[in-house]
Every structure is written in C-alpha cells, then in structure tokens.
Amino acid sequence: MVEFALILPVLVLLVLGLVQLGQVISLMLTLQIGASEGARVAITGATNTAITQQVDAVVNDVSASDLGVSVTPSTGRQSGQDVSVNVTYSDPILFGELATLWGASIPLSATVTMEMQ
C-alpha cells in the first residue's frame, strides 16, 4: 500500500502528460493541414482574406481569434514566385500540474511554401 501511494502521483503525472502530448500532436497535424490548404488557395492568386478564411475552415478545432495566419509576400504575388503561409497557435496546458513544467501554453506553428501558378 505504501509503495502504491508513493508511485501514484508519478503515474498520474505520466498519464496526464501523455494526454497533453496526444492533443498537441493532433493539433500540430491540424495546423499543418491548414497551412497546406492555405498555400493551395494562395497559389491560385486569392486574397489574404480568402486564404485566412480557408485556413479557419480547415482548422476548426481552435477559435479563429486565437489562430494567427500570415502570408508572405502579403501583396503583389506573381507567377513563379514562392508563397509561404504560416499558421500559429498557442495551445493552453490542459492540466495545472503540467503547467508548472512547461509554462501556461505551448506555442505551435506550421509553415508551407508553394510556387505560384
């Protein structure tokens, strides 16, 4: 019983860390897909607003106000030029105990670069 009482906090922290890690990996994949879809729309000559709307539509796991979307170059895109779409999000820590290890949030970002058509 004493051994179980000593190891239980470590096991609980390990399980909570695995849950947080799974959520972060899932969100990273979602951000990568969103950046890819934004770049796909960007190479067709769409406006920055249309690109942001496409990213928001794909990355629906987070609120649009917390999601950062930047397009480079922001204007004057021409055929043959590279266009980069960067999507950023700061993922809050799910469990307070883990926040003492990592901080209040985990910054995530994904960037995709494609050539204009």
Protein backbone atom coordinates (compact mmCIF):
# COMPACT_ATOMS: atom_id res chain seq x y z
CA MET A 1 0.00 0.00 0.00
CA VAL A 2 2.83 2.40 0.83
CA GLU A 3 4.57 1.69 -2.49
CA PHE A 4 1.35 2.39 -4.36
CA ALA A 5 0.88 5.69 -2.52
CA LEU A 6 4.41 6.71 -3.45
CA ILE A 7 4.17 5.79 -7.14
CA LEU A 8 0.59 7.03 -7.78
CA PRO A 9 1.48 10.73 -8.25
CA VAL A 10 4.17 9.79 -10.76
CA LEU A 11 1.77 7.56 -12.70
CA VAL A 12 -0.95 10.23 -12.74
CA LEU A 13 1.53 12.84 -13.99
CA LEU A 14 2.71 10.43 -16.68
CA VAL A 15 -0.83 9.75 -17.89
CA LEU A 16 -1.72 13.46 -17.91
CA GLY A 17 1.47 14.19 -19.85
CA LEU A 18 0.57 11.56 -22.45
CA VAL A 19 -2.91 13.03 -22.87
CA GLN A 20 -1.42 16.51 -23.36
CA LEU A 21 1.16 15.15 -25.82
CA GLY A 22 -1.55 13.43 -27.86
CA GLN A 23 -3.57 16.64 -28.00
CA VAL A 24 -0.51 18.67 -29.09
CA ILE A 25 0.39 16.19 -31.84
CA SER A 26 -3.19 16.20 -33.13
CA LEU A 27 -3.25 20.00 -33.15
CA MET A 28 0.14 20.18 -34.93
CA LEU A 29 -1.17 17.94 -37.69
CA THR A 30 -4.29 20.08 -37.99
CA LEU A 31 -2.20 23.27 -38.24
CA GLN A 32 -0.02 21.64 -40.92
CA ILE A 33 -3.10 20.69 -42.96
CA GLY A 34 -4.48 24.21 -42.52
CA ALA A 35 -1.23 25.78 -43.72
CA SER A 36 -1.17 23.43 -46.70
CA GLU A 37 -4.74 24.29 -47.67
CA GLY A 38 -3.99 28.00 -47.23
CA ALA A 39 -0.95 27.73 -49.51
CA ARG A 40 -3.01 25.78 -52.05
CA VAL A 41 -5.51 28.64 -52.17
CA ALA A 42 -2.73 31.24 -52.18
CA ILE A 43 -1.06 29.91 -55.34
CA THR A 44 -4.28 30.48 -57.28
CA GLY A 45 -3.98 34.23 -56.69
CA ALA A 46 -6.54 34.50 -53.87
CA THR A 47 -6.61 37.44 -51.47
CA ASN A 48 -5.21 37.25 -47.96
CA THR A 49 -8.76 37.28 -46.61
CA ALA A 50 -9.71 34.25 -48.70
CA ILE A 51 -6.55 32.44 -47.59
CA THR A 52 -7.31 33.16 -43.92
CA GLN A 53 -10.90 32.00 -44.35
CA GLN A 54 -9.71 28.74 -45.91
CA VAL A 55 -7.30 28.12 -43.02
CA ASP A 56 -10.05 28.93 -40.49
CA ALA A 57 -12.38 26.48 -42.22
CA VAL A 58 -9.83 23.66 -42.06
CA VAL A 59 -8.52 24.37 -38.55
CA ASN A 60 -11.88 24.33 -36.82
CA ASP A 61 -10.51 22.81 -33.57
CA VAL A 62 -9.49 26.26 -32.29
CA SER A 63 -11.19 29.64 -32.26
CA ALA A 64 -10.38 31.87 -35.20
CA SER A 65 -9.40 34.74 -32.88
CA ASP A 66 -6.58 32.64 -31.34
CA LEU A 67 -5.25 31.48 -34.70
CA GLY A 68 -2.55 33.51 -36.45
CA VAL A 69 -2.27 33.34 -40.24
CA SER A 70 0.40 35.20 -42.18
CA VAL A 71 1.08 35.11 -45.91
CA THR A 72 4.46 36.03 -47.43
CA PRO A 73 4.56 38.00 -49.66
CA SER A 74 1.39 39.68 -48.48
CA THR A 75 0.72 41.52 -51.75
CA GLY A 76 1.94 41.56 -55.33
CA ARG A 77 2.24 37.83 -55.78
CA GLN A 78 3.25 36.82 -59.31
CA SER A 79 3.55 33.59 -61.27
CA GLY A 80 6.71 31.64 -60.47
CA GLN A 81 7.10 33.30 -57.06
CA ASP A 82 7.11 31.31 -53.82
CA VAL A 83 4.23 31.93 -51.41
CA SER A 84 4.50 30.92 -47.74
CA VAL A 85 1.57 30.50 -45.39
CA ASN A 86 2.43 30.41 -41.68
CA VAL A 87 -0.18 29.32 -39.14
CA THR A 88 0.49 29.88 -35.42
CA TYR A 89 -1.41 28.96 -32.28
CA SER A 90 -0.59 28.91 -28.58
CA ASP A 91 -2.07 25.73 -27.09
CA PRO A 92 -3.06 26.11 -23.42
CA ILE A 93 -1.93 23.41 -21.00
CA LEU A 94 -4.84 21.13 -20.10
CA PHE A 95 -3.75 20.26 -16.58
CA GLY A 96 -2.38 22.66 -13.97
CA GLU A 97 0.27 20.25 -12.75
CA LEU A 98 1.85 20.16 -16.22
CA ALA A 99 1.81 23.96 -16.48
CA THR A 100 4.48 24.11 -13.80
CA LEU A 101 6.74 22.04 -16.07
CA TRP A 102 6.03 23.67 -19.46
CA GLY A 103 4.50 27.05 -18.70
CA ALA A 104 0.97 28.29 -19.38
CA SER A 105 0.88 27.33 -23.06
CA ILE A 106 2.77 25.56 -25.83
CA PRO A 107 3.48 27.67 -28.94
CA LEU A 108 2.76 25.77 -32.16
CA SER A 109 3.31 26.75 -35.78
CA ALA A 110 3.26 25.28 -39.26
CA THR A 111 4.59 26.79 -42.49
CA VAL A 112 4.00 25.63 -46.06
CA THR A 113 5.65 27.16 -49.14
CA MET A 114 4.38 26.64 -52.68
CA GLU A 115 5.15 28.21 -56.04
CA MET A 116 2.56 30.49 -57.67
CA GLN A 117 0.98 29.15 -60.84
